Every structure is written in C-alpha cells, then in structure tokens.
Amino acid sequence: MEYKLDRFAKLLVEAVVSVEELKLKKNDVSCFFPGSKIWRPGHQVIIFVDGLFEKPERTPEVRAKLAAVIVGITADHFSDGFYEKVRLIECFVRPFNVENGFASLKG
C-alpha cells in the first residue's frame, strides 16, 4: 500500500505543478493521506487543497482548473489496475489568507 500511495503522491504533485498559473515548484506541494479507509475500492475519494495562499493570479478559474486537474489525475490513477473504480471523486480548493494567521520554520 505504501508504494502505491507514494506513487500517487508523486502524480498529484506533478499535476499541481502543471497548473502554471499557480507558480508552484515540486517542493512547494505536500500530500497527506489521513487513514487508509479512503482507499477502499468502491468508495469515494475526497481531496482537500489547503494552504493555497491567496494571490491575485489565483482566480476562481485557476482554482477550478486545479481542482479539475487533481480530479482527473486521481481518476486516471484509480482506473490503472491497482484499484477498482471509485464511485465519487471530489476536490475542494480552500484558499488561504496569511492575515488569518501563519508562521513557518525551516530547518
């Protein structure tokens, strides 16, 4: 299971970076999979994009494009023979305003 999730995470990162309007690099994107229950065949996959800083170029159209790209790559991955098809894939892009609170520490 771990290898499949690692592979999927790499595909997701590449998909996000492919949305040029976001101006993101691979090391700007993180993927988390909270619990294995989301991977049971025949169920739904819900994806949340959090921490996407609000910027003028990240319009509702760009966020919709990001959501569509993520849903597309997820659908492709789930139909590649490793998983049975899921019945629903949704992606919610939640922009983030740093004025609401943000701190960062790099080691």
PDB file of N, CA and C in Angstrom:
ATOM      1  N   MET A   1       0.830  -1.196   0.000  1.00  0.00           N
ATOM      2  CA  MET A   1       0.000   0.000   0.000  1.00  0.00           C
ATOM      3  C   MET A   1       0.872   1.256   0.000  1.00  0.00           C
ATOM      4  N   GLU A   2       1.956   1.244   0.776  1.00  0.00           N
ATOM      5  CA  GLU A   2       2.798   2.436   0.882  1.00  0.00           C
ATOM      6  C   GLU A   2       3.368   2.847  -0.468  1.00  0.00           C
ATOM      7  N   TYR A   3       3.835   1.876  -1.258  1.00  0.00           N
ATOM      8  CA  TYR A   3       4.386   2.199  -2.574  1.00  0.00           C
ATOM      9  C   TYR A   3       3.330   2.851  -3.447  1.00  0.00           C
ATOM     10  N   LYS A   4       2.111   2.348  -3.411  1.00  0.00           N
ATOM     11  CA  LYS A   4       1.031   2.906  -4.227  1.00  0.00           C
ATOM     12  C   LYS A   4       0.717   4.331  -3.817  1.00  0.00           C
ATOM     13  N   LEU A   5       0.716   4.613  -2.524  1.00  0.00           N
ATOM     14  CA  LEU A   5       0.463   5.972  -2.057  1.00  0.00           C
ATOM     15  C   LEU A   5       1.608   6.901  -2.436  1.00  0.00           C
ATOM     16  N   ASP A   6       2.852   6.430  -2.343  1.00  0.00           N
ATOM     17  CA  ASP A   6       4.000   7.240  -2.749  1.00  0.00           C
ATOM     18  C   ASP A   6       3.907   7.589  -4.234  1.00  0.00           C
ATOM     19  N   ARG A   7       3.549   6.613  -5.032  1.00  0.00           N
ATOM     20  CA  ARG A   7       3.402   6.826  -6.475  1.00  0.00           C
ATOM     21  C   ARG A   7       2.292   7.840  -6.744  1.00  0.00           C
ATOM     22  N   PHE A   8       1.176   7.687  -6.064  1.00  0.00           N
ATOM     23  CA  PHE A   8       0.048   8.588  -6.230  1.00  0.00           C
ATOM     24  C   PHE A   8       0.419  10.000  -5.792  1.00  0.00           C
ATOM     25  N   ALA A   9       1.140  10.134  -4.682  1.00  0.00           N
ATOM     26  CA  ALA A   9       1.571  11.451  -4.207  1.00  0.00           C
ATOM     27  C   ALA A   9       2.444  12.146  -5.248  1.00  0.00           C
ATOM     28  N   LYS A  10       3.347  11.412  -5.873  1.00  0.00           N
ATOM     29  CA  LYS A  10       4.205  11.996  -6.914  1.00  0.00           C
ATOM     30  C   LYS A  10       3.369  12.472  -8.105  1.00  0.00           C
ATOM     31  N   LEU A  11       2.383  11.689  -8.486  1.00  0.00           N
ATOM     32  CA  LEU A  11       1.497  12.087  -9.580  1.00  0.00           C
ATOM     33  C   LEU A  11       0.706  13.347  -9.229  1.00  0.00           C
ATOM     34  N   LEU A  12       0.226  13.413  -8.000  1.00  0.00           N
ATOM     35  CA  LEU A  12      -0.519  14.597  -7.554  1.00  0.00           C
ATOM     36  C   LEU A  12       0.361  15.842  -7.574  1.00  0.00           C
ATOM     37  N   VAL A  13       1.574  15.727  -7.070  1.00  0.00           N
ATOM     38  CA  VAL A  13       2.490  16.866  -7.053  1.00  0.00           C
ATOM     39  C   VAL A  13       2.749  17.346  -8.481  1.00  0.00           C
ATOM     40  N   GLU A  14       3.014  16.424  -9.382  1.00  0.00           N
ATOM     41  CA  GLU A  14       3.248  16.796 -10.781  1.00  0.00           C
ATOM     42  C   GLU A  14       2.019  17.475 -11.385  1.00  0.00           C
ATOM     43  N   ALA A  15       0.839  16.984 -11.043  1.00  0.00           N
ATOM     44  CA  ALA A  15      -0.399  17.573 -11.560  1.00  0.00           C
ATOM     45  C   ALA A  15      -0.574  18.999 -11.055  1.00  0.00           C
ATOM     46  N   VAL A  16      -0.329  19.229  -9.774  1.00  0.00           N
ATOM     47  CA  VAL A  16      -0.476  20.564  -9.197  1.00  0.00           C
ATOM     48  C   VAL A  16       0.521  21.529  -9.840  1.00  0.00           C
ATOM     49  N   VAL A  17       1.760  21.112  -9.971  1.00  0.00           N
ATOM     50  CA  VAL A  17       2.800  21.958 -10.551  1.00  0.00           C
ATOM     51  C   VAL A  17       2.500  22.266 -12.025  1.00  0.00           C
ATOM     52  N   SER A  18       1.776  21.386 -12.689  1.00  0.00           N
ATOM     53  CA  SER A  18       1.454  21.601 -14.104  1.00  0.00           C
ATOM     54  C   SER A  18       0.494  22.774 -14.318  1.00  0.00           C
ATOM     55  N   VAL A  19      -0.180  23.215 -13.270  1.00  0.00           N
ATOM     56  CA  VAL A  19      -1.055  24.393 -13.370  1.00  0.00           C
ATOM     57  C   VAL A  19      -0.142  25.612 -13.238  1.00  0.00           C
ATOM     58  N   GLU A  20       0.326  26.093 -14.369  1.00  0.00           N
ATOM     59  CA  GLU A  20       1.360  27.132 -14.400  1.00  0.00           C
ATOM     60  C   GLU A  20       0.967  28.416 -13.690  1.00  0.00           C
ATOM     61  N   GLU A  21      -0.308  28.747 -13.705  1.00  0.00           N
ATOM     62  CA  GLU A  21      -0.766  29.986 -13.072  1.00  0.00           C
ATOM     63  C   GLU A  21      -0.490  30.011 -11.564  1.00  0.00           C
ATOM     64  N   LEU A  22      -0.334  28.851 -10.951  1.00  0.00           N
ATOM     65  CA  LEU A  22      -0.066  28.786  -9.513  1.00  0.00           C
ATOM     66  C   LEU A  22       1.364  29.176  -9.172  1.00  0.00           C
ATOM     67  N   LYS A  23       2.262  29.012 -10.149  1.00  0.00           N
ATOM     68  CA  LYS A  23       3.684  29.330  -9.956  1.00  0.00           C
ATOM     69  C   LYS A  23       4.277  28.562  -8.781  1.00  0.00           C
ATOM     70  N   LEU A  24       3.974  27.265  -8.726  1.00  0.00           N
ATOM     71  CA  LEU A  24       4.480  26.404  -7.661  1.00  0.00           C
ATOM     72  C   LEU A  24       5.564  25.478  -8.201  1.00  0.00           C
ATOM     73  N   LYS A  25       6.491  25.111  -7.316  1.00  0.00           N
ATOM     74  CA  LYS A  25       7.513  24.114  -7.621  1.00  0.00           C
ATOM     75  C   LYS A  25       7.187  22.855  -6.834  1.00  0.00           C
ATOM     76  N   LYS A  26       7.795  21.758  -7.212  1.00  0.00           N
ATOM     77  CA  LYS A  26       7.505  20.481  -6.559  1.00  0.00           C
ATOM     78  C   LYS A  26       7.695  20.540  -5.042  1.00  0.00           C
ATOM     79  N   ASN A  27       8.712  21.244  -4.578  1.00  0.00           N
ATOM     80  CA  ASN A  27       8.952  21.288  -3.131  1.00  0.00           C
ATOM     81  C   ASN A  27       7.981  22.217  -2.402  1.00  0.00           C
ATOM     82  N   ASP A  28       7.090  22.892  -3.134  1.00  0.00           N
ATOM     83  CA  ASP A  28       6.054  23.723  -2.519  1.00  0.00           C
ATOM     84  C   ASP A  28       4.790  22.920  -2.197  1.00  0.00           C
ATOM     85  N   VAL A  29       4.722  21.678  -2.656  1.00  0.00           N
ATOM     86  CA  VAL A  29       3.494  20.880  -2.557  1.00  0.00           C
ATOM     87  C   VAL A  29       3.721  19.683  -1.641  1.00  0.00           C
ATOM     88  N   SER A  30       2.795  19.473  -0.707  1.00  0.00           N
ATOM     89  CA  SER A  30       2.845  18.311   0.189  1.00  0.00           C
ATOM     90  C   SER A  30       1.550  17.524   0.063  1.00  0.00           C
ATOM     91  N   CYS A  31       1.646  16.213   0.198  1.00  0.00           N
ATOM     92  CA  CYS A  31       0.467  15.342   0.148  1.00  0.00           C
ATOM     93  C   CYS A  31       0.378  14.543   1.440  1.00  0.00           C
ATOM     94  N   PHE A  32      -0.820  14.487   1.983  1.00  0.00           N
ATOM     95  CA  PHE A  32      -1.069  13.707   3.188  1.00  0.00           C
ATOM     96  C   PHE A  32      -2.268  12.811   2.939  1.00  0.00           C
ATOM     97  N   PHE A  33      -2.209  11.584   3.441  1.00  0.00           N
ATOM     98  CA  PHE A  33      -3.285  10.612   3.279  1.00  0.00           C
ATOM     99  C   PHE A  33      -3.748  10.176   4.667  1.00  0.00           C
ATOM    100  N   PRO A  34      -4.742  10.860   5.215  1.00  0.00           N
ATOM    101  CA  PRO A  34      -5.153  10.587   6.600  1.00  0.00           C
ATOM    102  C   PRO A  34      -6.018   9.341   6.738  1.00  0.00           C
ATOM    103  N   GLY A  35      -5.382   8.226   6.914  1.00  0.00           N
ATOM    104  CA  GLY A  35      -6.110   6.972   7.134  1.00  0.00           C
ATOM    105  C   GLY A  35      -6.318   6.188   5.851  1.00  0.00           C
ATOM    106  N   SER A  36      -6.238   4.902   5.957  1.00  0.00           N
ATOM    107  CA  SER A  36      -6.336   4.044   4.776  1.00  0.00           C
ATOM    108  C   SER A  36      -7.773   3.788   4.339  1.00  0.00           C
ATOM    109  N   LYS A  37      -8.762   4.177   5.139  1.00  0.00           N
ATOM    110  CA  LYS A  37     -10.152   3.907   4.778  1.00  0.00           C
ATOM    111  C   LYS A  37     -10.549   4.563   3.463  1.00  0.00           C
ATOM    112  N   ILE A  38      -9.897   5.677   3.103  1.00  0.00           N
ATOM    113  CA  ILE A  38     -10.252   6.346   1.856  1.00  0.00           C
ATOM    114  C   ILE A  38      -9.862   5.529   0.634  1.00  0.00           C
ATOM    115  N   TRP A  39      -9.069   4.478   0.823  1.00  0.00           N
ATOM    116  CA  TRP A  39      -8.580   3.714  -0.318  1.00  0.00           C
ATOM    117  C   TRP A  39      -9.350   2.429  -0.556  1.00  0.00           C
ATOM    118  N   ARG A  40     -10.431   2.207   0.179  1.00  0.00           N
ATOM    119  CA  ARG A  40     -11.208   1.005  -0.062  1.00  0.00           C
ATOM    120  C   ARG A  40     -11.906   1.108  -1.407  1.00  0.00           C
ATOM    121  N   PRO A  41     -11.836   0.058  -2.214  1.00  0.00           N
ATOM    122  CA  PRO A  41     -12.483   0.085  -3.524  1.00  0.00           C
ATOM    123  C   PRO A  41     -13.981   0.342  -3.410  1.00  0.00           C
ATOM    124  N   GLY A  42     -14.510   1.035  -4.402  1.00  0.00           N
ATOM    125  CA  GLY A  42     -15.941   1.271  -4.464  1.00  0.00           C
ATOM    126  C   GLY A  42     -16.432   2.400  -3.595  1.00  0.00           C
ATOM    127  N   HIS A  43     -15.545   3.135  -2.985  1.00  0.00           N
ATOM    128  CA  HIS A  43     -15.941   4.240  -2.118  1.00  0.00           C
ATOM    129  C   HIS A  43     -15.599   5.571  -2.761  1.00  0.00           C
ATOM    130  N   GLN A  44     -15.736   6.617  -2.012  1.00  0.00           N
ATOM    131  CA  GLN A  44     -15.457   7.949  -2.530  1.00  0.00           C
ATOM    132  C   GLN A  44     -14.085   8.429  -2.096  1.00  0.00           C
ATOM    133  N   VAL A  45     -13.524   9.327  -2.898  1.00  0.00           N
ATOM    134  CA  VAL A  45     -12.258   9.961  -2.577  1.00  0.00           C
ATOM    135  C   VAL A  45     -12.529  11.460  -2.501  1.00  0.00           C
ATOM    136  N   ILE A  46     -12.249  12.044  -1.364  1.00  0.00           N
ATOM    137  CA  ILE A  46     -12.434  13.473  -1.158  1.00  0.00           C
ATOM    138  C   ILE A  46     -11.049  14.078  -0.940  1.00  0.00           C
ATOM    139  N   ILE A  47     -10.726  15.082  -1.732  1.00  0.00           N
ATOM    140  CA  ILE A  47      -9.405  15.704  -1.674  1.00  0.00           C
ATOM    141  C   ILE A  47      -9.580  17.168  -1.276  1.00  0.00           C
ATOM    142  N   PHE A  48      -8.790  17.591  -0.290  1.00  0.00           N
ATOM    143  CA  PHE A  48      -8.801  18.982   0.139  1.00  0.00           C
ATOM    144  C   PHE A  48      -7.454  19.600  -0.190  1.00  0.00           C
ATOM    145  N   VAL A  49      -7.481  20.737  -0.847  1.00  0.00           N
ATOM    146  CA  VAL A  49      -6.277  21.519  -1.088  1.00  0.00           C
ATOM    147  C   VAL A  49      -6.309  22.643  -0.071  1.00  0.00           C
ATOM    148  N   ASP A  50      -5.394  22.580   0.881  1.00  0.00           N
ATOM    149  CA  ASP A  50      -5.322  23.574   1.950  1.00  0.00           C
ATOM    150  C   ASP A  50      -4.016  24.350   1.852  1.00  0.00           C
ATOM    151  N   GLY A  51      -4.039  25.559   2.382  1.00  0.00           N
ATOM    152  CA  GLY A  51      -2.818  26.351   2.449  1.00  0.00           C
ATOM    153  C   GLY A  51      -2.412  26.971   1.121  1.00  0.00           C
ATOM    154  N   LEU A  52      -3.332  27.051   0.169  1.00  0.00           N
ATOM    155  CA  LEU A  52      -3.031  27.695  -1.101  1.00  0.00           C
ATOM    156  C   LEU A  52      -3.170  29.202  -0.887  1.00  0.00           C
ATOM    157  N   PHE A  53      -2.036  29.868  -0.767  1.00  0.00           N
ATOM    158  CA  PHE A  53      -2.041  31.286  -0.453  1.00  0.00           C
ATOM    159  C   PHE A  53      -2.834  32.067  -1.496  1.00  0.00           C
ATOM    160  N   GLU A  54      -3.650  33.000  -1.007  1.00  0.00           N
ATOM    161  CA  GLU A  54      -4.404  33.866  -1.910  1.00  0.00           C
ATOM    162  C   GLU A  54      -3.451  34.827  -2.609  1.00  0.00           C
ATOM    163  N   LYS A  55      -3.557  34.892  -3.916  1.00  0.00           N
ATOM    164  CA  LYS A  55      -2.780  35.806  -4.741  1.00  0.00           C
ATOM    165  C   LYS A  55      -3.681  36.251  -5.880  1.00  0.00           C
ATOM    166  N   PRO A  56      -3.452  37.446  -6.413  1.00  0.00           N
ATOM    167  CA  PRO A  56      -4.333  37.942  -7.473  1.00  0.00           C
ATOM    168  C   PRO A  56      -4.455  36.998  -8.675  1.00  0.00           C
ATOM    169  N   GLU A  57      -3.372  36.326  -9.032  1.00  0.00           N
ATOM    170  CA  GLU A  57      -3.408  35.436 -10.200  1.00  0.00           C
ATOM    171  C   GLU A  57      -4.103  34.096  -9.916  1.00  0.00           C
ATOM    172  N   ARG A  58      -4.389  33.815  -8.675  1.00  0.00           N
ATOM    173  CA  ARG A  58      -5.079  32.566  -8.310  1.00  0.00           C
ATOM    174  C   ARG A  58      -6.580  32.829  -8.231  1.00  0.00           C
ATOM    175  N   THR A  59      -7.111  33.073  -9.390  1.00  0.00           N
ATOM    176  CA  THR A  59      -8.526  33.427  -9.550  1.00  0.00           C
ATOM    177  C   THR A  59      -9.412  32.197  -9.325  1.00  0.00           C
ATOM    178  N   PRO A  60     -10.720  32.409  -9.219  1.00  0.00           N
ATOM    179  CA  PRO A  60     -11.624  31.259  -9.125  1.00  0.00           C
ATOM    180  C   PRO A  60     -11.461  30.294 -10.310  1.00  0.00           C
ATOM    181  N   GLU A  61     -11.167  30.840 -11.481  1.00  0.00           N
ATOM    182  CA  GLU A  61     -10.964  29.975 -12.660  1.00  0.00           C
ATOM    183  C   GLU A  61      -9.712  29.115 -12.509  1.00  0.00           C
ATOM    184  N   VAL A  62      -8.654  29.695 -11.969  1.00  0.00           N
ATOM    185  CA  VAL A  62      -7.411  28.933 -11.762  1.00  0.00           C
ATOM    186  C   VAL A  62      -7.627  27.866 -10.694  1.00  0.00           C
ATOM    187  N   ARG A  63      -8.340  28.208  -9.616  1.00  0.00           N
ATOM    188  CA  ARG A  63      -8.623  27.210  -8.577  1.00  0.00           C
ATOM    189  C   ARG A  63      -9.514  26.093  -9.128  1.00  0.00           C
ATOM    190  N   ALA A  64     -10.466  26.440  -9.991  1.00  0.00           N
ATOM    191  CA  ALA A  64     -11.309  25.415 -10.621  1.00  0.00           C
ATOM    192  C   ALA A  64     -10.473  24.517 -11.536  1.00  0.00           C
ATOM    193  N   LYS A  65      -9.520  25.120 -12.243  1.00  0.00           N
ATOM    194  CA  LYS A  65      -8.615  24.336 -13.100  1.00  0.00           C
ATOM    195  C   LYS A  65      -7.794  23.368 -12.253  1.00  0.00           C
ATOM    196  N   LEU A  66      -7.275  23.858 -11.126  1.00  0.00           N
ATOM    197  CA  LEU A  66      -6.513  22.996 -10.218  1.00  0.00           C
ATOM    198  C   LEU A  66      -7.361  21.823  -9.748  1.00  0.00           C
ATOM    199  N   ALA A  67      -8.590  22.104  -9.312  1.00  0.00           N
ATOM    200  CA  ALA A  67      -9.480  21.034  -8.839  1.00  0.00           C
ATOM    201  C   ALA A  67      -9.727  20.015  -9.947  1.00  0.00           C
ATOM    202  N   ALA A  68      -9.967  20.486 -11.168  1.00  0.00           N
ATOM    203  CA  ALA A  68     -10.226  19.574 -12.292  1.00  0.00           C
ATOM    204  C   ALA A  68      -9.005  18.720 -12.617  1.00  0.00           C
ATOM    205  N   VAL A  69      -7.819  19.315 -12.552  1.00  0.00           N
ATOM    206  CA  VAL A  69      -6.580  18.561 -12.810  1.00  0.00           C
ATOM    207  C   VAL A  69      -6.394  17.475 -11.752  1.00  0.00           C
ATOM    208  N   ILE A  70      -6.638  17.811 -10.505  1.00  0.00           N
ATOM    209  CA  ILE A  70      -6.484  16.839  -9.416  1.00  0.00           C
ATOM    210  C   ILE A  70      -7.504  15.710  -9.542  1.00  0.00           C
ATOM    211  N   VAL A  71      -8.753  16.047  -9.836  1.00  0.00           N
ATOM    212  CA  VAL A  71      -9.772  15.000 -10.022  1.00  0.00           C
ATOM    213  C   VAL A  71      -9.399  14.105 -11.205  1.00  0.00           C
ATOM    214  N   GLY A  72      -8.909  14.715 -12.277  1.00  0.00           N
ATOM    215  CA  GLY A  72      -8.524  13.931 -13.453  1.00  0.00           C
ATOM    216  C   GLY A  72      -7.399  12.954 -13.183  1.00  0.00           C
ATOM    217  N   ILE A  73      -6.335  13.414 -12.528  1.00  0.00           N
ATOM    218  CA  ILE A  73      -5.202  12.530 -12.245  1.00  0.00           C
ATOM    219  C   ILE A  73      -5.604  11.446 -11.254  1.00  0.00           C
ATOM    220  N   THR A  74      -6.496  11.780 -10.333  1.00  0.00           N
ATOM    221  CA  THR A  74      -6.981  10.793  -9.374  1.00  0.00           C
ATOM    222  C   THR A  74      -7.802   9.723 -10.087  1.00  0.00           C
ATOM    223  N   ALA A  75      -8.679  10.148 -10.981  1.00  0.00           N
ATOM    224  CA  ALA A  75      -9.487   9.180 -11.747  1.00  0.00           C
ATOM    225  C   ALA A  75      -8.599   8.282 -12.594  1.00  0.00           C
ATOM    226  N   ASP A  76      -7.584   8.854 -13.232  1.00  0.00           N
ATOM    227  CA  ASP A  76      -6.648   8.057 -14.030  1.00  0.00           C
ATOM    228  C   ASP A  76      -5.940   7.031 -13.166  1.00  0.00           C
ATOM    229  N   HIS A  77      -5.495   7.464 -11.994  1.00  0.00           N
ATOM    230  CA  HIS A  77      -4.760   6.565 -11.104  1.00  0.00           C
ATOM    231  C   HIS A  77      -5.644   5.425 -10.597  1.00  0.00           C
ATOM    232  N   PHE A  78      -6.865   5.742 -10.253  1.00  0.00           N
ATOM    233  CA  PHE A  78      -7.753   4.717  -9.718  1.00  0.00           C
ATOM    234  C   PHE A  78      -8.235   3.742 -10.781  1.00  0.00           C
ATOM    235  N   SER A  79      -8.072   4.075 -12.042  1.00  0.00           N
ATOM    236  CA  SER A  79      -8.515   3.150 -13.087  1.00  0.00           C
ATOM    237  C   SER A  79      -7.335   2.437 -13.739  1.00  0.00           C
ATOM    238  N   ASP A  80      -6.139   2.540 -13.144  1.00  0.00           N
ATOM    239  CA  ASP A  80      -4.948   1.968 -13.782  1.00  0.00           C
ATOM    240  C   ASP A  80      -4.684   0.508 -13.428  1.00  0.00           C
ATOM    241  N   GLY A  81      -5.641  -0.157 -12.808  1.00  0.00           N
ATOM    242  CA  GLY A  81      -5.463  -1.568 -12.486  1.00  0.00           C
ATOM    243  C   GLY A  81      -5.088  -1.826 -11.044  1.00  0.00           C
ATOM    244  N   PHE A  82      -4.585  -0.831 -10.329  1.00  0.00           N
ATOM    245  CA  PHE A  82      -4.236  -1.026  -8.931  1.00  0.00           C
ATOM    246  C   PHE A  82      -5.459  -0.965  -8.034  1.00  0.00           C
ATOM    247  N   TYR A  83      -6.441  -0.212  -8.432  1.00  0.00           N
ATOM    248  CA  TYR A  83      -7.635  -0.031  -7.621  1.00  0.00           C
ATOM    249  C   TYR A  83      -8.876  -0.271  -8.477  1.00  0.00           C
ATOM    250  N   GLU A  84      -9.928  -0.687  -7.840  1.00  0.00           N
ATOM    251  CA  GLU A  84     -11.200  -0.691  -8.527  1.00  0.00           C
ATOM    252  C   GLU A  84     -11.661   0.752  -8.634  1.00  0.00           C
ATOM    253  N   LYS A  85     -12.560   1.003  -9.554  1.00  0.00           N
ATOM    254  CA  LYS A  85     -13.052   2.378  -9.694  1.00  0.00           C
ATOM    255  C   LYS A  85     -13.797   2.815  -8.442  1.00  0.00           C
ATOM    256  N   VAL A  86     -13.623   4.072  -8.130  1.00  0.00           N
ATOM    257  CA  VAL A  86     -14.354   4.652  -7.010  1.00  0.00           C
ATOM    258  C   VAL A  86     -15.655   5.244  -7.542  1.00  0.00           C
ATOM    259  N   ARG A  87     -16.633   5.446  -6.669  1.00  0.00           N
ATOM    260  CA  ARG A  87     -17.929   5.940  -7.129  1.00  0.00           C
ATOM    261  C   ARG A  87     -18.004   7.454  -7.158  1.00  0.00           C
ATOM    262  N   LEU A  88     -17.074   8.143  -6.481  1.00  0.00           N
ATOM    263  CA  LEU A  88     -17.100   9.596  -6.445  1.00  0.00           C
ATOM    264  C   LEU A  88     -15.715  10.123  -6.122  1.00  0.00           C
ATOM    265  N   ILE A  89     -15.283  11.132  -6.882  1.00  0.00           N
ATOM    266  CA  ILE A  89     -14.035  11.837  -6.583  1.00  0.00           C
ATOM    267  C   ILE A  89     -14.384  13.321  -6.544  1.00  0.00           C
ATOM    268  N   GLU A  90     -14.040  13.971  -5.437  1.00  0.00           N
ATOM    269  CA  GLU A  90     -14.273  15.404  -5.297  1.00  0.00           C
ATOM    270  C   GLU A  90     -13.002  16.087  -4.817  1.00  0.00           C
ATOM    271  N   CYS A  91     -12.823  17.326  -5.248  1.00  0.00           N
ATOM    272  CA  CYS A  91     -11.679  18.119  -4.813  1.00  0.00           C
ATOM    273  C   CYS A  91     -12.167  19.494  -4.403  1.00  0.00           C
ATOM    274  N   PHE A  92     -11.825  19.892  -3.189  1.00  0.00           N
ATOM    275  CA  PHE A  92     -12.176  21.199  -2.652  1.00  0.00           C
ATOM    276  C   PHE A  92     -10.896  22.022  -2.505  1.00  0.00           C
ATOM    277  N   VAL A  93     -10.822  23.152  -3.187  1.00  0.00           N
ATOM    278  CA  VAL A  93      -9.663  24.029  -3.094  1.00  0.00           C
ATOM    279  C   VAL A  93     -10.021  25.156  -2.137  1.00  0.00           C
ATOM    280  N   ARG A  94      -9.300  25.187  -1.008  1.00  0.00           N
ATOM    281  CA  ARG A  94      -9.587  26.176   0.028  1.00  0.00           C
ATOM    282  C   ARG A  94      -8.427  27.171   0.103  1.00  0.00           C
ATOM    283  N   PRO A  95      -8.620  28.360  -0.493  1.00  0.00           N
ATOM    284  CA  PRO A  95      -7.539  29.342  -0.461  1.00  0.00           C
ATOM    285  C   PRO A  95      -7.257  29.801   0.961  1.00  0.00           C
ATOM    286  N   PHE A  96      -6.045  30.277   1.165  1.00  0.00           N
ATOM    287  CA  PHE A  96      -5.593  30.671   2.496  1.00  0.00           C
ATOM    288  C   PHE A  96      -5.113  32.111   2.475  1.00  0.00           C
ATOM    289  N   ASN A  97      -5.571  32.893   3.418  1.00  0.00           N
ATOM    290  CA  ASN A  97      -5.152  34.273   3.568  1.00  0.00           C
ATOM    291  C   ASN A  97      -4.208  34.344   4.768  1.00  0.00           C
ATOM    292  N   VAL A  98      -2.970  34.775   4.539  1.00  0.00           N
ATOM    293  CA  VAL A  98      -1.972  34.814   5.615  1.00  0.00           C
ATOM    294  C   VAL A  98      -2.375  35.750   6.746  1.00  0.00           C
ATOM    295  N   GLU A  99      -3.251  36.693   6.467  1.00  0.00           N
ATOM    296  CA  GLU A  99      -3.713  37.606   7.515  1.00  0.00           C
ATOM    297  C   GLU A  99      -4.533  36.883   8.578  1.00  0.00           C
ATOM    298  N   ASN A 100      -4.990  35.672   8.262  1.00  0.00           N
ATOM    299  CA  ASN A 100      -5.753  34.881   9.234  1.00  0.00           C
ATOM    300  C   ASN A 100      -4.838  34.117  10.184  1.00  0.00           C
ATOM    301  N   GLY A 101      -3.542  34.238   9.993  1.00  0.00           N
ATOM    302  CA  GLY A 101      -2.576  33.574  10.874  1.00  0.00           C
ATOM    303  C   GLY A 101      -1.701  32.611  10.108  1.00  0.00           C
ATOM    304  N   PHE A 102      -0.410  32.814  10.180  1.00  0.00           N
ATOM    305  CA  PHE A 102       0.537  31.941   9.506  1.00  0.00           C
ATOM    306  C   PHE A 102       1.919  32.111  10.132  1.00  0.00           C
ATOM    307  N   ALA A 103       2.633  31.028  10.294  1.00  0.00           N
ATOM    308  CA  ALA A 103       4.028  31.048  10.725  1.00  0.00           C
ATOM    309  C   ALA A 103       4.729  29.896  10.014  1.00  0.00           C
ATOM    310  N   SER A 104       6.024  30.020   9.831  1.00  0.00           N
ATOM    311  CA  SER A 104       6.786  28.989   9.138  1.00  0.00           C
ATOM    312  C   SER A 104       8.180  28.907   9.745  1.00  0.00           C
ATOM    313  N   LEU A 105       8.729  27.714   9.802  1.00  0.00           N
ATOM    314  CA  LEU A 105      10.086  27.497  10.294  1.00  0.00           C
ATOM    315  C   LEU A 105      10.725  26.418   9.444  1.00  0.00           C
ATOM    316  N   LYS A 106      11.804  26.747   8.800  1.00  0.00           N
ATOM    317  CA  LYS A 106      12.538  25.755   8.009  1.00  0.00           C
ATOM    318  C   LYS A 106      13.810  25.389   8.745  1.00  0.00           C
ATOM    319  N   GLY A 107      14.088  24.087   8.761  1.00  0.00           N
ATOM    320  CA  GLY A 107      15.272  23.630   9.452  1.00  0.00           C
ATOM    321  C   GLY A 107      16.409  23.339   8.524  1.00  0.00           C
TER     322      GLY A 107
END
